[in-house]
Amino acid sequence: MNTDLNKLTRREALLNALKGTVATAVATPILVQAAPEAPAQAEAAFVPENDYPFFGYEPDSLS
């Protein structure tokens, strides 16, 4: 019996690593496209009262 069949050669290790890299590069865009997108959150409404002293708004309590 030949026991060399169970040994992993450097060439086989490099080929397996290359195959894994290529498989990952091919599968990643497919998985990203299949993933559900997070819903876009609505932007908060602009309220000038919240931006005092900017935009020329002066609260009633200061007048």
PDB file of N, CA and C in Angstrom:
ATOM      1  N   MET A   1       0.813  -1.175   0.000  1.00  0.00           N
ATOM      2  CA  MET A   1       0.000   0.000   0.000  1.00  0.00           C
ATOM      3  C   MET A   1       0.865   1.250   0.000  1.00  0.00           C
ATOM      4  N   ASN A   2       0.386   2.264  -0.713  1.00  0.00           N
ATOM      5  CA  ASN A   2       1.135   3.507  -0.819  1.00  0.00           C
ATOM      6  C   ASN A   2       0.590   4.499   0.211  1.00  0.00           C
ATOM      7  N   THR A   3       1.418   4.937   1.162  1.00  0.00           N
ATOM      8  CA  THR A   3       0.966   5.873   2.196  1.00  0.00           C
ATOM      9  C   THR A   3       1.092   7.319   1.746  1.00  0.00           C
ATOM     10  N   ASP A   4       1.678   7.577   0.591  1.00  0.00           N
ATOM     11  CA  ASP A   4       1.829   8.938   0.097  1.00  0.00           C
ATOM     12  C   ASP A   4       0.506   9.558  -0.358  1.00  0.00           C
ATOM     13  N   LEU A   5      -0.513   8.743  -0.535  1.00  0.00           N
ATOM     14  CA  LEU A   5      -1.791   9.279  -0.992  1.00  0.00           C
ATOM     15  C   LEU A   5      -2.468  10.140   0.077  1.00  0.00           C
ATOM     16  N   ASN A   6      -2.133   9.944   1.326  1.00  0.00           N
ATOM     17  CA  ASN A   6      -2.777  10.691   2.409  1.00  0.00           C
ATOM     18  C   ASN A   6      -2.084  12.009   2.706  1.00  0.00           C
ATOM     19  N   LYS A   7      -0.935  12.258   2.100  1.00  0.00           N
ATOM     20  CA  LYS A   7      -0.194  13.474   2.383  1.00  0.00           C
ATOM     21  C   LYS A   7      -0.677  14.615   1.481  1.00  0.00           C
ATOM     22  N   LEU A   8      -0.710  15.793   2.051  1.00  0.00           N
ATOM     23  CA  LEU A   8      -1.095  16.981   1.312  1.00  0.00           C
ATOM     24  C   LEU A   8       0.180  17.684   0.837  1.00  0.00           C
ATOM     25  N   THR A   9       0.316  17.837  -0.448  1.00  0.00           N
ATOM     26  CA  THR A   9       1.524  18.483  -0.981  1.00  0.00           C
ATOM     27  C   THR A   9       1.342  19.990  -0.975  1.00  0.00           C
ATOM     28  N   ARG A  10       2.430  20.682  -1.121  1.00  0.00           N
ATOM     29  CA  ARG A  10       2.390  22.143  -1.169  1.00  0.00           C
ATOM     30  C   ARG A  10       1.554  22.617  -2.350  1.00  0.00           C
ATOM     31  N   ARG A  11       1.698  21.932  -3.468  1.00  0.00           N
ATOM     32  CA  ARG A  11       0.941  22.308  -4.669  1.00  0.00           C
ATOM     33  C   ARG A  11      -0.561  22.161  -4.435  1.00  0.00           C
ATOM     34  N   GLU A  12      -0.964  21.040  -3.822  1.00  0.00           N
ATOM     35  CA  GLU A  12      -2.381  20.826  -3.547  1.00  0.00           C
ATOM     36  C   GLU A  12      -2.925  21.849  -2.545  1.00  0.00           C
ATOM     37  N   ALA A  13      -2.126  22.206  -1.569  1.00  0.00           N
ATOM     38  CA  ALA A  13      -2.553  23.196  -0.589  1.00  0.00           C
ATOM     39  C   ALA A  13      -2.756  24.547  -1.257  1.00  0.00           C
ATOM     40  N   LEU A  14      -1.833  24.935  -2.135  1.00  0.00           N
ATOM     41  CA  LEU A  14      -1.974  26.206  -2.831  1.00  0.00           C
ATOM     42  C   LEU A  14      -3.177  26.198  -3.769  1.00  0.00           C
ATOM     43  N   LEU A  15      -3.405  25.087  -4.460  1.00  0.00           N
ATOM     44  CA  LEU A  15      -4.571  24.993  -5.346  1.00  0.00           C
ATOM     45  C   LEU A  15      -5.868  25.065  -4.548  1.00  0.00           C
ATOM     46  N   ASN A  16      -5.916  24.397  -3.407  1.00  0.00           N
ATOM     47  CA  ASN A  16      -7.126  24.457  -2.578  1.00  0.00           C
ATOM     48  C   ASN A  16      -7.363  25.868  -2.053  1.00  0.00           C
ATOM     49  N   ALA A  17      -6.300  26.560  -1.664  1.00  0.00           N
ATOM     50  CA  ALA A  17      -6.443  27.939  -1.197  1.00  0.00           C
ATOM     51  C   ALA A  17      -6.933  28.838  -2.331  1.00  0.00           C
ATOM     52  N   LEU A  18      -6.406  28.636  -3.529  1.00  0.00           N
ATOM     53  CA  LEU A  18      -6.831  29.428  -4.683  1.00  0.00           C
ATOM     54  C   LEU A  18      -8.291  29.153  -5.024  1.00  0.00           C
ATOM     55  N   LYS A  19      -8.683  27.904  -4.981  1.00  0.00           N
ATOM     56  CA  LYS A  19     -10.077  27.552  -5.256  1.00  0.00           C
ATOM     57  C   LYS A  19     -11.011  28.188  -4.233  1.00  0.00           C
ATOM     58  N   GLY A  20     -10.606  28.170  -2.979  1.00  0.00           N
ATOM     59  CA  GLY A  20     -11.420  28.784  -1.942  1.00  0.00           C
ATOM     60  C   GLY A  20     -11.543  30.283  -2.131  1.00  0.00           C
ATOM     61  N   THR A  21     -10.448  30.921  -2.527  1.00  0.00           N
ATOM     62  CA  THR A  21     -10.468  32.368  -2.759  1.00  0.00           C
ATOM     63  C   THR A  21     -11.378  32.719  -3.925  1.00  0.00           C
ATOM     64  N   VAL A  22     -11.289  31.964  -4.989  1.00  0.00           N
ATOM     65  CA  VAL A  22     -12.138  32.218  -6.160  1.00  0.00           C
ATOM     66  C   VAL A  22     -13.606  31.971  -5.809  1.00  0.00           C
ATOM     67  N   ALA A  23     -13.872  30.907  -5.081  1.00  0.00           N
ATOM     68  CA  ALA A  23     -15.258  30.615  -4.698  1.00  0.00           C
ATOM     69  C   ALA A  23     -15.823  31.731  -3.820  1.00  0.00           C
ATOM     70  N   THR A  24     -15.022  32.255  -2.921  1.00  0.00           N
ATOM     71  CA  THR A  24     -15.467  33.352  -2.063  1.00  0.00           C
ATOM     72  C   THR A  24     -15.711  34.611  -2.884  1.00  0.00           C
ATOM     73  N   ALA A  25     -14.819  34.900  -3.833  1.00  0.00           N
ATOM     74  CA  ALA A  25     -14.968  36.094  -4.660  1.00  0.00           C
ATOM     75  C   ALA A  25     -16.214  36.010  -5.539  1.00  0.00           C
ATOM     76  N   VAL A  26     -16.579  34.817  -5.948  1.00  0.00           N
ATOM     77  CA  VAL A  26     -17.765  34.650  -6.786  1.00  0.00           C
ATOM     78  C   VAL A  26     -19.032  34.673  -5.935  1.00  0.00           C
ATOM     79  N   ALA A  27     -18.998  34.075  -4.761  1.00  0.00           N
ATOM     80  CA  ALA A  27     -20.200  33.938  -3.935  1.00  0.00           C
ATOM     81  C   ALA A  27     -20.555  35.216  -3.185  1.00  0.00           C
ATOM     82  N   THR A  28     -19.583  36.034  -2.838  1.00  0.00           N
ATOM     83  CA  THR A  28     -19.851  37.218  -2.018  1.00  0.00           C
ATOM     84  C   THR A  28     -20.829  38.192  -2.681  1.00  0.00           C
ATOM     85  N   PRO A  29     -20.637  38.591  -3.949  1.00  0.00           N
ATOM     86  CA  PRO A  29     -21.616  39.520  -4.550  1.00  0.00           C
ATOM     87  C   PRO A  29     -23.019  38.926  -4.643  1.00  0.00           C
ATOM     88  N   ILE A  30     -23.111  37.628  -4.844  1.00  0.00           N
ATOM     89  CA  ILE A  30     -24.421  36.985  -4.937  1.00  0.00           C
ATOM     90  C   ILE A  30     -25.115  37.030  -3.581  1.00  0.00           C
ATOM     91  N   LEU A  31     -24.360  36.767  -2.521  1.00  0.00           N
ATOM     92  CA  LEU A  31     -24.944  36.792  -1.181  1.00  0.00           C
ATOM     93  C   LEU A  31     -25.316  38.206  -0.760  1.00  0.00           C
ATOM     94  N   VAL A  32     -24.533  39.182  -1.171  1.00  0.00           N
ATOM     95  CA  VAL A  32     -24.830  40.571  -0.808  1.00  0.00           C
ATOM     96  C   VAL A  32     -26.098  41.037  -1.504  1.00  0.00           C
ATOM     97  N   GLN A  33     -26.283  40.655  -2.756  1.00  0.00           N
ATOM     98  CA  GLN A  33     -27.487  41.040  -3.484  1.00  0.00           C
ATOM     99  C   GLN A  33     -28.724  40.368  -2.906  1.00  0.00           C
ATOM    100  N   ALA A  34     -28.570  39.151  -2.394  1.00  0.00           N
ATOM    101  CA  ALA A  34     -29.705  38.402  -1.867  1.00  0.00           C
ATOM    102  C   ALA A  34     -30.110  38.879  -0.477  1.00  0.00           C
ATOM    103  N   ALA A  35     -29.224  39.562   0.216  1.00  0.00           N
ATOM    104  CA  ALA A  35     -29.525  40.024   1.573  1.00  0.00           C
ATOM    105  C   ALA A  35     -30.565  41.142   1.526  1.00  0.00           C
ATOM    106  N   PRO A  36     -31.512  41.126   2.455  1.00  0.00           N
ATOM    107  CA  PRO A  36     -32.519  42.196   2.468  1.00  0.00           C
ATOM    108  C   PRO A  36     -31.886  43.520   2.880  1.00  0.00           C
ATOM    109  N   GLU A  37     -32.331  44.570   2.233  1.00  0.00           N
ATOM    110  CA  GLU A  37     -31.792  45.897   2.532  1.00  0.00           C
ATOM    111  C   GLU A  37     -32.491  46.475   3.762  1.00  0.00           C
ATOM    112  N   ALA A  38     -31.746  47.202   4.539  1.00  0.00           N
ATOM    113  CA  ALA A  38     -32.330  47.873   5.695  1.00  0.00           C
ATOM    114  C   ALA A  38     -33.165  49.045   5.191  1.00  0.00           C
ATOM    115  N   PRO A  39     -34.338  49.250   5.755  1.00  0.00           N
ATOM    116  CA  PRO A  39     -35.174  50.367   5.292  1.00  0.00           C
ATOM    117  C   PRO A  39     -34.506  51.699   5.613  1.00  0.00           C
ATOM    118  N   ALA A  40     -34.605  52.597   4.668  1.00  0.00           N
ATOM    119  CA  ALA A  40     -34.010  53.921   4.860  1.00  0.00           C
ATOM    120  C   ALA A  40     -34.847  54.680   5.877  1.00  0.00           C
ATOM    121  N   GLN A  41     -34.169  55.294   6.829  1.00  0.00           N
ATOM    122  CA  GLN A  41     -34.901  56.036   7.850  1.00  0.00           C
ATOM    123  C   GLN A  41     -35.198  57.439   7.336  1.00  0.00           C
ATOM    124  N   ALA A  42     -36.397  57.895   7.633  1.00  0.00           N
ATOM    125  CA  ALA A  42     -36.803  59.223   7.207  1.00  0.00           C
ATOM    126  C   ALA A  42     -36.007  60.270   7.977  1.00  0.00           C
ATOM    127  N   GLU A  43     -35.652  61.325   7.280  1.00  0.00           N
ATOM    128  CA  GLU A  43     -34.908  62.398   7.918  1.00  0.00           C
ATOM    129  C   GLU A  43     -35.844  63.199   8.812  1.00  0.00           C
ATOM    130  N   ALA A  44     -35.345  63.603   9.945  1.00  0.00           N
ATOM    131  CA  ALA A  44     -36.171  64.368  10.886  1.00  0.00           C
ATOM    132  C   ALA A  44     -36.554  65.706  10.266  1.00  0.00           C
ATOM    133  N   ALA A  45     -37.756  66.144  10.579  1.00  0.00           N
ATOM    134  CA  ALA A  45     -38.237  67.417  10.058  1.00  0.00           C
ATOM    135  C   ALA A  45     -37.445  68.567  10.681  1.00  0.00           C
ATOM    136  N   PHE A  46     -37.223  69.599   9.892  1.00  0.00           N
ATOM    137  CA  PHE A  46     -36.477  70.765  10.373  1.00  0.00           C
ATOM    138  C   PHE A  46     -37.398  71.636  11.212  1.00  0.00           C
ATOM    139  N   VAL A  47     -36.996  71.864  12.458  1.00  0.00           N
ATOM    140  CA  VAL A  47     -37.764  72.720  13.363  1.00  0.00           C
ATOM    141  C   VAL A  47     -36.852  73.847  13.799  1.00  0.00           C
ATOM    142  N   PRO A  48     -37.154  75.109  13.379  1.00  0.00           N
ATOM    143  CA  PRO A  48     -36.247  76.211  13.703  1.00  0.00           C
ATOM    144  C   PRO A  48     -36.078  76.431  15.204  1.00  0.00           C
ATOM    145  N   GLU A  49     -37.079  76.094  16.011  1.00  0.00           N
ATOM    146  CA  GLU A  49     -36.983  76.287  17.454  1.00  0.00           C
ATOM    147  C   GLU A  49     -35.830  75.475  18.051  1.00  0.00           C
ATOM    148  N   ASN A  50     -35.521  74.352  17.424  1.00  0.00           N
ATOM    149  CA  ASN A  50     -34.461  73.486  17.946  1.00  0.00           C
ATOM    150  C   ASN A  50     -33.078  73.999  17.583  1.00  0.00           C
ATOM    151  N   ASP A  51     -32.986  74.986  16.704  1.00  0.00           N
ATOM    152  CA  ASP A  51     -31.693  75.466  16.236  1.00  0.00           C
ATOM    153  C   ASP A  51     -31.383  76.876  16.726  1.00  0.00           C
ATOM    154  N   TYR A  52     -32.040  77.327  17.775  1.00  0.00           N
ATOM    155  CA  TYR A  52     -31.708  78.631  18.351  1.00  0.00           C
ATOM    156  C   TYR A  52     -30.270  78.592  18.823  1.00  0.00           C
ATOM    157  N   PRO A  53     -29.432  79.527  18.633  1.00  0.00           N
ATOM    158  CA  PRO A  53     -29.605  80.875  18.128  1.00  0.00           C
ATOM    159  C   PRO A  53     -29.368  81.005  16.625  1.00  0.00           C
ATOM    160  N   PHE A  54     -29.435  79.919  15.895  1.00  0.00           N
ATOM    161  CA  PHE A  54     -29.190  79.966  14.458  1.00  0.00           C
ATOM    162  C   PHE A  54     -30.468  80.322  13.708  1.00  0.00           C
ATOM    163  N   PHE A  55     -30.319  80.742  12.504  1.00  0.00           N
ATOM    164  CA  PHE A  55     -31.403  81.024  11.563  1.00  0.00           C
ATOM    165  C   PHE A  55     -32.314  82.162  12.005  1.00  0.00           C
ATOM    166  N   GLY A  56     -31.858  83.005  12.903  1.00  0.00           N
ATOM    167  CA  GLY A  56     -32.608  84.186  13.257  1.00  0.00           C
ATOM    168  C   GLY A  56     -33.841  83.942  14.099  1.00  0.00           C
ATOM    169  N   TYR A  57     -33.999  82.758  14.634  1.00  0.00           N
ATOM    170  CA  TYR A  57     -35.177  82.482  15.463  1.00  0.00           C
ATOM    171  C   TYR A  57     -34.894  82.918  16.898  1.00  0.00           C
ATOM    172  N   GLU A  58     -35.822  83.647  17.462  1.00  0.00           N
ATOM    173  CA  GLU A  58     -35.682  84.057  18.846  1.00  0.00           C
ATOM    174  C   GLU A  58     -36.904  83.582  19.611  1.00  0.00           C
ATOM    175  N   PRO A  59     -36.724  82.779  20.651  1.00  0.00           N
ATOM    176  CA  PRO A  59     -37.879  82.263  21.374  1.00  0.00           C
ATOM    177  C   PRO A  59     -38.665  83.386  22.041  1.00  0.00           C
ATOM    178  N   ASP A  60     -39.943  83.133  22.308  1.00  0.00           N
ATOM    179  CA  ASP A  60     -40.820  84.124  22.933  1.00  0.00           C
ATOM    180  C   ASP A  60     -40.349  84.477  24.336  1.00  0.00           C
ATOM    181  N   SER A  61     -39.695  83.548  25.014  1.00  0.00           N
ATOM    182  CA  SER A  61     -39.270  83.798  26.387  1.00  0.00           C
ATOM    183  C   SER A  61     -38.157  84.849  26.459  1.00  0.00           C
ATOM    184  N   LEU A  62     -37.440  85.095  25.362  1.00  0.00           N
ATOM    185  CA  LEU A  62     -36.351  86.077  25.354  1.00  0.00           C
ATOM    186  C   LEU A  62     -36.809  87.454  24.889  1.00  0.00           C
ATOM    187  N   SER A  63     -37.993  87.568  24.329  1.00  0.00           N
ATOM    188  CA  SER A  63     -38.444  88.860  23.821  1.00  0.00           C
ATOM    189  C   SER A  63     -39.105  89.687  24.890  1.00  0.00           C
TER     190      SER A  63
END
